């Protein structure tokens, strides 16, 4: 599958701040996404980097790789210079794009492990989420779960935007969802309940910390603070 496929396409938000990535796209049917959304707004990195795939069998494969916000997954360049999606996730242990580590979780694609706290990792996934049509879009009502659900409803396995009538214009918004990755590399949404499950021995101390320190589990900096605290408990 080549990257230069026809997708539903996003036009830029008129009030974007110069020099910054666009946050909202108004999507219309029928154009080539590569000609409308700049490379820097479709990919996490400004170029394809040297990458490695570590298979559960112990095998290692190398290729140029990058993370696509359109697909919500890491893509690689094959021997024919085509840009491809991985189709053998069940056999893959982890993926490195440069020094960046990714894990795969079914239904949500690749999750970037952005910080390590004594074996417990904070994961982050960036992607484009469908927020509704232009008239009725509400940007504050989407939780982590609903955002992922909305994402999967309009991007199919091949990365093609789907399920929209030809003349319908919808709003896509750049989103980030946070995950917790435990020491056994199990991936869950970053919620208070899932956080406490990772540290059952310290549940009392952590509940006390959370009582005193207001923590929003959808905010990256809050999660970094509480994970740093938990990683030093004895």
C-alpha atoms as a PDB file:
ATOM      1  CA  UNK A   1       0.000   0.000   0.000  1.00  0.00           C
ATOM      2  CA  UNK A   2       1.408   3.356  -0.954  1.00  0.00           C
ATOM      3  CA  UNK A   3       1.147   6.422   1.219  1.00  0.00           C
ATOM      4  CA  UNK A   4       0.074   8.552  -1.728  1.00  0.00           C
ATOM      5  CA  UNK A   5      -3.461   7.239  -1.751  1.00  0.00           C
ATOM      6  CA  UNK A   6      -6.655   9.227  -2.124  1.00  0.00           C
ATOM      7  CA  UNK A   7      -8.271  10.103   1.191  1.00  0.00           C
ATOM      8  CA  UNK A   8     -10.837  12.517   2.426  1.00  0.00           C
ATOM      9  CA  UNK A   9      -8.884  15.652   2.969  1.00  0.00           C
ATOM     10  CA  UNK A  10      -8.480  18.431   5.512  1.00  0.00           C
ATOM     11  CA  UNK A  11      -8.363  22.126   4.808  1.00  0.00           C
ATOM     12  CA  UNK A  12      -6.551  24.352   7.259  1.00  0.00           C
ATOM     13  CA  UNK A  13      -8.223  26.241  10.076  1.00  0.00           C
ATOM     14  CA  UNK A  14      -8.344  29.932   9.184  1.00  0.00           C
ATOM     15  CA  UNK A  15      -7.269  31.102  12.618  1.00  0.00           C
ATOM     16  CA  UNK A  16      -4.181  28.906  12.892  1.00  0.00           C
ATOM     17  CA  UNK A  17      -1.207  30.559  14.570  1.00  0.00           C
ATOM     18  CA  UNK A  18       1.637  31.161  12.129  1.00  0.00           C
ATOM     19  CA  UNK A  19       4.523  28.759  12.613  1.00  0.00           C
ATOM     20  CA  UNK A  20       2.469  26.237  14.596  1.00  0.00           C
ATOM     21  CA  UNK A  21       0.837  23.007  13.517  1.00  0.00           C
ATOM     22  CA  UNK A  22      -2.835  23.232  12.682  1.00  0.00           C
ATOM     23  CA  UNK A  23      -5.130  21.787  15.317  1.00  0.00           C
ATOM     24  CA  UNK A  24      -8.393  21.532  13.379  1.00  0.00           C
ATOM     25  CA  UNK A  25      -9.098  20.403   9.810  1.00  0.00           C
ATOM     26  CA  UNK A  26     -12.329  20.697   7.859  1.00  0.00           C
ATOM     27  CA  UNK A  27     -12.636  17.550   5.798  1.00  0.00           C
ATOM     28  CA  UNK A  28     -14.142  17.213   2.365  1.00  0.00           C
ATOM     29  CA  UNK A  29     -14.242  14.274  -0.005  1.00  0.00           C
ATOM     30  CA  UNK A  30     -12.085  13.766  -3.073  1.00  0.00           C
ATOM     31  CA  UNK A  31      -8.599  15.266  -2.767  1.00  0.00           C
ATOM     32  CA  UNK A  32      -5.131  13.819  -2.259  1.00  0.00           C
ATOM     33  CA  UNK A  33      -4.176  14.228   1.396  1.00  0.00           C
ATOM     34  CA  UNK A  34      -0.471  14.487   0.565  1.00  0.00           C
ATOM     35  CA  UNK A  35      -1.129  17.606  -1.510  1.00  0.00           C
ATOM     36  CA  UNK A  36      -3.221  19.360   1.130  1.00  0.00           C
ATOM     37  CA  UNK A  37      -1.799  18.467   4.548  1.00  0.00           C
ATOM     38  CA  UNK A  38       1.944  19.216   4.813  1.00  0.00           C
ATOM     39  CA  UNK A  39       4.285  16.352   5.660  1.00  0.00           C
ATOM     40  CA  UNK A  40       4.985  17.856   9.104  1.00  0.00           C
ATOM     41  CA  UNK A  41       1.276  17.733   9.945  1.00  0.00           C
ATOM     42  CA  UNK A  42       0.782  14.145   8.777  1.00  0.00           C
ATOM     43  CA  UNK A  43       3.817  12.644  10.519  1.00  0.00           C
ATOM     44  CA  UNK A  44       5.314  12.820  13.980  1.00  0.00           C
ATOM     45  CA  UNK A  45       8.878  13.336  12.714  1.00  0.00           C
ATOM     46  CA  UNK A  46      10.091  15.676   9.992  1.00  0.00           C
ATOM     47  CA  UNK A  47      11.628  12.770   8.065  1.00  0.00           C
ATOM     48  CA  UNK A  48      11.644   8.966   8.024  1.00  0.00           C
ATOM     49  CA  UNK A  49      14.183   7.710  10.576  1.00  0.00           C
ATOM     50  CA  UNK A  50      16.193   4.505  10.896  1.00  0.00           C
ATOM     51  CA  UNK A  51      13.902   2.041  12.645  1.00  0.00           C
ATOM     52  CA  UNK A  52      13.900  -1.474  14.033  1.00  0.00           C
ATOM     53  CA  UNK A  53      11.130  -4.020  14.500  1.00  0.00           C
ATOM     54  CA  UNK A  54      11.725  -6.501  17.330  1.00  0.00           C
ATOM     55  CA  UNK A  55       9.747  -9.696  16.746  1.00  0.00           C
ATOM     56  CA  UNK A  56       8.700 -12.052  19.543  1.00  0.00           C
ATOM     57  CA  UNK A  57      10.775 -14.773  17.874  1.00  0.00           C
ATOM     58  CA  UNK A  58      13.942 -12.723  18.423  1.00  0.00           C
ATOM     59  CA  UNK A  59      14.210 -11.625  14.798  1.00  0.00           C
ATOM     60  CA  UNK A  60      15.000  -7.952  14.104  1.00  0.00           C
ATOM     61  CA  UNK A  61      14.098  -6.103  10.898  1.00  0.00           C
ATOM     62  CA  UNK A  62      15.342  -2.656   9.925  1.00  0.00           C
ATOM     63  CA  UNK A  63      13.830   0.014   7.683  1.00  0.00           C
ATOM     64  CA  UNK A  64      13.117   3.728   7.463  1.00  0.00           C
ATOM     65  CA  UNK A  65      10.060   4.529   9.610  1.00  0.00           C
ATOM     66  CA  UNK A  66       7.792   7.322  10.787  1.00  0.00           C
ATOM     67  CA  UNK A  67       4.546   7.625  12.759  1.00  0.00           C
ATOM     68  CA  UNK A  68       1.484   8.719  10.770  1.00  0.00           C
ATOM     69  CA  UNK A  69      -1.212  10.753  12.523  1.00  0.00           C
ATOM     70  CA  UNK A  70      -3.614   9.882   9.692  1.00  0.00           C
ATOM     71  CA  UNK A  71      -3.225   6.151  10.308  1.00  0.00           C
ATOM     72  CA  UNK A  72      -2.441   6.237  14.020  1.00  0.00           C
ATOM     73  CA  UNK A  73       0.355   3.754  13.336  1.00  0.00           C
ATOM     74  CA  UNK A  74       4.031   3.527  12.431  1.00  0.00           C
ATOM     75  CA  UNK A  75       4.707   3.230   8.701  1.00  0.00           C
ATOM     76  CA  UNK A  76       7.843   1.849   7.050  1.00  0.00           C
ATOM     77  CA  UNK A  77       9.511   2.133   3.650  1.00  0.00           C
ATOM     78  CA  UNK A  78       9.914  -1.217   1.901  1.00  0.00           C
ATOM     79  CA  UNK A  79      12.465  -2.377  -0.689  1.00  0.00           C
ATOM     80  CA  UNK A  80      10.332  -0.931  -3.504  1.00  0.00           C
ATOM     81  CA  UNK A  81      10.337   2.496  -1.796  1.00  0.00           C
ATOM     82  CA  UNK A  82       6.621   2.195  -1.033  1.00  0.00           C
ATOM     83  CA  UNK A  83       5.345   3.396   2.341  1.00  0.00           C
ATOM     84  CA  UNK A  84       3.587   0.534   4.101  1.00  0.00           C
ATOM     85  CA  UNK A  85       1.548  -0.350   7.178  1.00  0.00           C
ATOM     86  CA  UNK A  86       2.586  -3.314   9.318  1.00  0.00           C
ATOM     87  CA  UNK A  87       0.207  -6.281   9.015  1.00  0.00           C
ATOM     88  CA  UNK A  88       1.852  -8.734  11.409  1.00  0.00           C
ATOM     89  CA  UNK A  89       1.236  -7.036  14.768  1.00  0.00           C
ATOM     90  CA  UNK A  90       0.692 -10.325  16.613  1.00  0.00           C
ATOM     91  CA  UNK A  91       4.327 -11.280  15.963  1.00  0.00           C
ATOM     92  CA  UNK A  92       5.856  -7.909  16.869  1.00  0.00           C
ATOM     93  CA  UNK A  93       7.149  -7.177  20.371  1.00  0.00           C
ATOM     94  CA  UNK A  94       8.031  -3.507  19.902  1.00  0.00           C
ATOM     95  CA  UNK A  95       9.148  -0.959  17.337  1.00  0.00           C
ATOM     96  CA  UNK A  96      11.891   1.663  17.540  1.00  0.00           C
ATOM     97  CA  UNK A  97      11.740   4.719  15.289  1.00  0.00           C
ATOM     98  CA  UNK A  98      15.097   6.305  15.904  1.00  0.00           C
ATOM     99  CA  UNK A  99      15.267   6.277  19.715  1.00  0.00           C
ATOM    100  CA  UNK A 100      11.480   6.348  20.077  1.00  0.00           C
ATOM    101  CA  UNK A 101       9.778   3.208  21.394  1.00  0.00           C
ATOM    102  CA  UNK A 102       6.297   2.106  20.264  1.00  0.00           C
ATOM    103  CA  UNK A 103       4.010  -0.680  21.411  1.00  0.00           C
ATOM    104  CA  UNK A 104       0.960  -1.971  19.554  1.00  0.00           C
ATOM    105  CA  UNK A 105      -2.410  -2.333  21.242  1.00  0.00           C
ATOM    106  CA  UNK A 106      -5.348  -3.856  19.390  1.00  0.00           C
ATOM    107  CA  UNK A 107      -7.982  -1.336  18.430  1.00  0.00           C
ATOM    108  CA  UNK A 108      -5.774   1.681  19.085  1.00  0.00           C
ATOM    109  CA  UNK A 109      -2.706   1.137  16.911  1.00  0.00           C
ATOM    110  CA  UNK A 110       0.777   2.160  18.028  1.00  0.00           C
ATOM    111  CA  UNK A 111       1.399   3.910  21.350  1.00  0.00           C
ATOM    112  CA  UNK A 112       4.566   5.950  21.877  1.00  0.00           C
ATOM    113  CA  UNK A 113       6.324   5.257  25.208  1.00  0.00           C
ATOM    114  CA  UNK A 114       7.443   8.788  26.056  1.00  0.00           C
ATOM    115  CA  UNK A 115       8.773   8.327  29.613  1.00  0.00           C
ATOM    116  CA  UNK A 116       9.976   5.418  31.761  1.00  0.00           C
ATOM    117  CA  UNK A 117       9.431   5.347  35.535  1.00  0.00           C
ATOM    118  CA  UNK A 118      11.348   2.357  36.865  1.00  0.00           C
ATOM    119  CA  UNK A 119       9.776   0.031  34.306  1.00  0.00           C
ATOM    120  CA  UNK A 120       6.330   1.612  34.189  1.00  0.00           C
ATOM    121  CA  UNK A 121       5.956   3.750  31.082  1.00  0.00           C
ATOM    122  CA  UNK A 122       3.795   6.689  30.148  1.00  0.00           C
ATOM    123  CA  UNK A 123       2.377   6.205  26.665  1.00  0.00           C
ATOM    124  CA  UNK A 124       1.042   8.811  24.283  1.00  0.00           C
ATOM    125  CA  UNK A 125      -0.890   8.475  21.059  1.00  0.00           C
ATOM    126  CA  UNK A 126      -1.409  11.331  18.628  1.00  0.00           C
ATOM    127  CA  UNK A 127      -3.974  11.138  15.850  1.00  0.00           C
ATOM    128  CA  UNK A 128      -6.799  12.960  14.095  1.00  0.00           C
ATOM    129  CA  UNK A 129     -10.235  12.460  15.657  1.00  0.00           C
ATOM    130  CA  UNK A 130     -13.578  13.098  14.009  1.00  0.00           C
ATOM    131  CA  UNK A 131     -15.452  15.651  16.089  1.00  0.00           C
ATOM    132  CA  UNK A 132     -18.740  15.772  14.172  1.00  0.00           C
ATOM    133  CA  UNK A 133     -19.957  18.012  11.394  1.00  0.00           C
ATOM    134  CA  UNK A 134     -18.909  21.615  11.137  1.00  0.00           C
ATOM    135  CA  UNK A 135     -22.179  23.032  12.461  1.00  0.00           C
ATOM    136  CA  UNK A 136     -22.571  20.839  15.523  1.00  0.00           C
ATOM    137  CA  UNK A 137     -18.980  19.974  16.480  1.00  0.00           C
ATOM    138  CA  UNK A 138     -18.308  20.186  20.206  1.00  0.00           C
ATOM    139  CA  UNK A 139     -14.626  20.020  21.094  1.00  0.00           C
ATOM    140  CA  UNK A 140     -14.844  19.582  24.847  1.00  0.00           C
ATOM    141  CA  UNK A 141     -17.149  16.590  25.153  1.00  0.00           C
ATOM    142  CA  UNK A 142     -14.779  13.829  24.051  1.00  0.00           C
ATOM    143  CA  UNK A 143     -13.124  11.675  26.701  1.00  0.00           C
ATOM    144  CA  UNK A 144     -10.174   9.421  25.937  1.00  0.00           C
ATOM    145  CA  UNK A 145     -12.485   6.496  25.227  1.00  0.00           C
ATOM    146  CA  UNK A 146     -14.865   8.356  22.953  1.00  0.00           C
ATOM    147  CA  UNK A 147     -11.994   9.967  21.066  1.00  0.00           C
ATOM    148  CA  UNK A 148     -10.496   6.580  20.234  1.00  0.00           C
ATOM    149  CA  UNK A 149     -13.918   5.277  19.269  1.00  0.00           C
ATOM    150  CA  UNK A 150     -14.486   8.224  16.963  1.00  0.00           C
ATOM    151  CA  UNK A 151     -11.056   7.752  15.429  1.00  0.00           C
ATOM    152  CA  UNK A 152     -11.593   4.077  14.644  1.00  0.00           C
ATOM    153  CA  UNK A 153     -14.998   4.778  13.130  1.00  0.00           C
ATOM    154  CA  UNK A 154     -13.614   6.838  10.253  1.00  0.00           C
ATOM    155  CA  UNK A 155     -10.198   5.328   9.530  1.00  0.00           C
ATOM    156  CA  UNK A 156     -10.163   1.770   8.217  1.00  0.00           C
ATOM    157  CA  UNK A 157      -7.329  -0.773   8.364  1.00  0.00           C
ATOM    158  CA  UNK A 158      -5.766   0.645   5.206  1.00  0.00           C
ATOM    159  CA  UNK A 159      -5.788   4.174   6.578  1.00  0.00           C
ATOM    160  CA  UNK A 160      -8.619   5.305   4.291  1.00  0.00           C
ATOM    161  CA  UNK A 161     -11.126   7.763   5.681  1.00  0.00           C
ATOM    162  CA  UNK A 162     -14.539   6.190   5.341  1.00  0.00           C
ATOM    163  CA  UNK A 163     -18.199   6.371   6.249  1.00  0.00           C
ATOM    164  CA  UNK A 164     -18.825   9.911   4.967  1.00  0.00           C
ATOM    165  CA  UNK A 165     -21.225  10.901   2.230  1.00  0.00           C
ATOM    166  CA  UNK A 166     -19.608  12.567  -0.766  1.00  0.00           C
ATOM    167  CA  UNK A 167     -20.743  16.108   0.014  1.00  0.00           C
ATOM    168  CA  UNK A 168     -20.423  15.962   3.801  1.00  0.00           C
ATOM    169  CA  UNK A 169     -17.868  18.183   5.500  1.00  0.00           C
ATOM    170  CA  UNK A 170     -16.741  17.138   8.986  1.00  0.00           C
ATOM    171  CA  UNK A 171     -14.284  18.510  11.502  1.00  0.00           C
ATOM    172  CA  UNK A 172     -11.126  16.603  12.442  1.00  0.00           C
ATOM    173  CA  UNK A 173      -9.139  17.649  15.468  1.00  0.00           C
ATOM    174  CA  UNK A 174      -5.575  16.787  16.398  1.00  0.00           C
ATOM    175  CA  UNK A 175      -5.734  14.836  19.649  1.00  0.00           C
ATOM    176  CA  UNK A 176      -3.404  13.139  22.115  1.00  0.00           C
ATOM    177  CA  UNK A 177      -4.490  10.267  24.342  1.00  0.00           C
ATOM    178  CA  UNK A 178      -2.404   9.045  27.286  1.00  0.00           C
ATOM    179  CA  UNK A 179      -1.819   5.419  28.261  1.00  0.00           C
ATOM    180  CA  UNK A 180      -0.119   3.521  31.062  1.00  0.00           C
ATOM    181  CA  UNK A 181       2.232   0.665  30.162  1.00  0.00           C
ATOM    182  CA  UNK A 182       3.008  -1.648  33.089  1.00  0.00           C
ATOM    183  CA  UNK A 183       6.165  -3.688  33.641  1.00  0.00           C
ATOM    184  CA  UNK A 184       4.628  -6.573  31.675  1.00  0.00           C
ATOM    185  CA  UNK A 185       4.004  -4.204  28.758  1.00  0.00           C
ATOM    186  CA  UNK A 186       0.233  -4.305  29.206  1.00  0.00           C
ATOM    187  CA  UNK A 187      -1.317  -1.097  27.860  1.00  0.00           C
ATOM    188  CA  UNK A 188      -4.354   0.596  29.427  1.00  0.00           C
ATOM    189  CA  UNK A 189      -5.938   4.026  29.305  1.00  0.00           C
ATOM    190  CA  UNK A 190      -4.422   6.459  31.803  1.00  0.00           C
ATOM    191  CA  UNK A 191      -7.133   6.498  34.483  1.00  0.00           C
ATOM    192  CA  UNK A 192      -6.971   6.584  38.252  1.00  0.00           C
ATOM    193  CA  UNK A 193      -8.289   3.019  38.513  1.00  0.00           C
ATOM    194  CA  UNK A 194      -5.733   1.637  36.048  1.00  0.00           C
ATOM    195  CA  UNK A 195      -2.940   3.579  37.748  1.00  0.00           C
ATOM    196  CA  UNK A 196      -3.768   2.074  41.152  1.00  0.00           C
ATOM    197  CA  UNK A 197      -3.879  -1.426  39.624  1.00  0.00           C
ATOM    198  CA  UNK A 198      -0.256  -1.033  38.553  1.00  0.00           C
ATOM    199  CA  UNK A 199       0.829  -0.251  42.138  1.00  0.00           C
ATOM    200  CA  UNK A 200      -1.405  -2.443  44.368  1.00  0.00           C
ATOM    201  CA  UNK A 201       1.152  -2.500  47.224  1.00  0.00           C
ATOM    202  CA  UNK A 202       1.088   1.283  47.509  1.00  0.00           C
ATOM    203  CA  UNK A 203      -2.615   1.919  47.030  1.00  0.00           C
ATOM    204  CA  UNK A 204      -3.014   3.658  50.407  1.00  0.00           C
ATOM    205  CA  UNK A 205      -0.045   6.004  49.874  1.00  0.00           C
ATOM    206  CA  UNK A 206      -1.116   6.792  46.339  1.00  0.00           C
ATOM    207  CA  UNK A 207      -4.691   7.537  47.344  1.00  0.00           C
ATOM    208  CA  UNK A 208      -3.347   9.928  49.963  1.00  0.00           C
ATOM    209  CA  UNK A 209      -1.139  11.599  47.334  1.00  0.00           C
ATOM    210  CA  UNK A 210      -4.099  11.949  44.985  1.00  0.00           C
ATOM    211  CA  UNK A 211      -6.232  13.362  47.795  1.00  0.00           C
ATOM    212  CA  UNK A 212      -3.702  16.100  48.505  1.00  0.00           C
ATOM    213  CA  UNK A 213      -2.477  16.709  44.943  1.00  0.00           C
ATOM    214  CA  UNK A 214      -5.119  17.403  42.343  1.00  0.00           C
ATOM    215  CA  UNK A 215      -4.337  15.089  39.422  1.00  0.00           C
ATOM    216  CA  UNK A 216      -5.997  15.097  36.024  1.00  0.00           C
ATOM    217  CA  UNK A 217      -5.238  11.768  34.346  1.00  0.00           C
ATOM    218  CA  UNK A 218      -5.799  13.316  30.918  1.00  0.00           C
ATOM    219  CA  UNK A 219      -2.977  15.832  31.458  1.00  0.00           C
ATOM    220  CA  UNK A 220       0.555  14.752  30.608  1.00  0.00           C
ATOM    221  CA  UNK A 221       2.326  16.849  33.248  1.00  0.00           C
ATOM    222  CA  UNK A 222       0.016  15.620  36.031  1.00  0.00           C
ATOM    223  CA  UNK A 223       0.687  12.027  35.035  1.00  0.00           C
ATOM    224  CA  UNK A 224       4.426  12.577  34.954  1.00  0.00           C
ATOM    225  CA  UNK A 225       4.332  13.927  38.518  1.00  0.00           C
ATOM    226  CA  UNK A 226       2.281  11.074  39.961  1.00  0.00           C
ATOM    227  CA  UNK A 227       4.328   8.413  38.143  1.00  0.00           C
ATOM    228  CA  UNK A 228       7.548   9.990  39.396  1.00  0.00           C
ATOM    229  CA  UNK A 229       6.149   9.863  42.945  1.00  0.00           C
ATOM    230  CA  UNK A 230       5.009   6.246  42.576  1.00  0.00           C
ATOM    231  CA  UNK A 231       8.357   5.115  41.143  1.00  0.00           C
ATOM    232  CA  UNK A 232      10.155   6.083  44.369  1.00  0.00           C
ATOM    233  CA  UNK A 233       7.791   4.413  46.846  1.00  0.00           C
ATOM    234  CA  UNK A 234       9.266   1.701  49.066  1.00  0.00           C
END
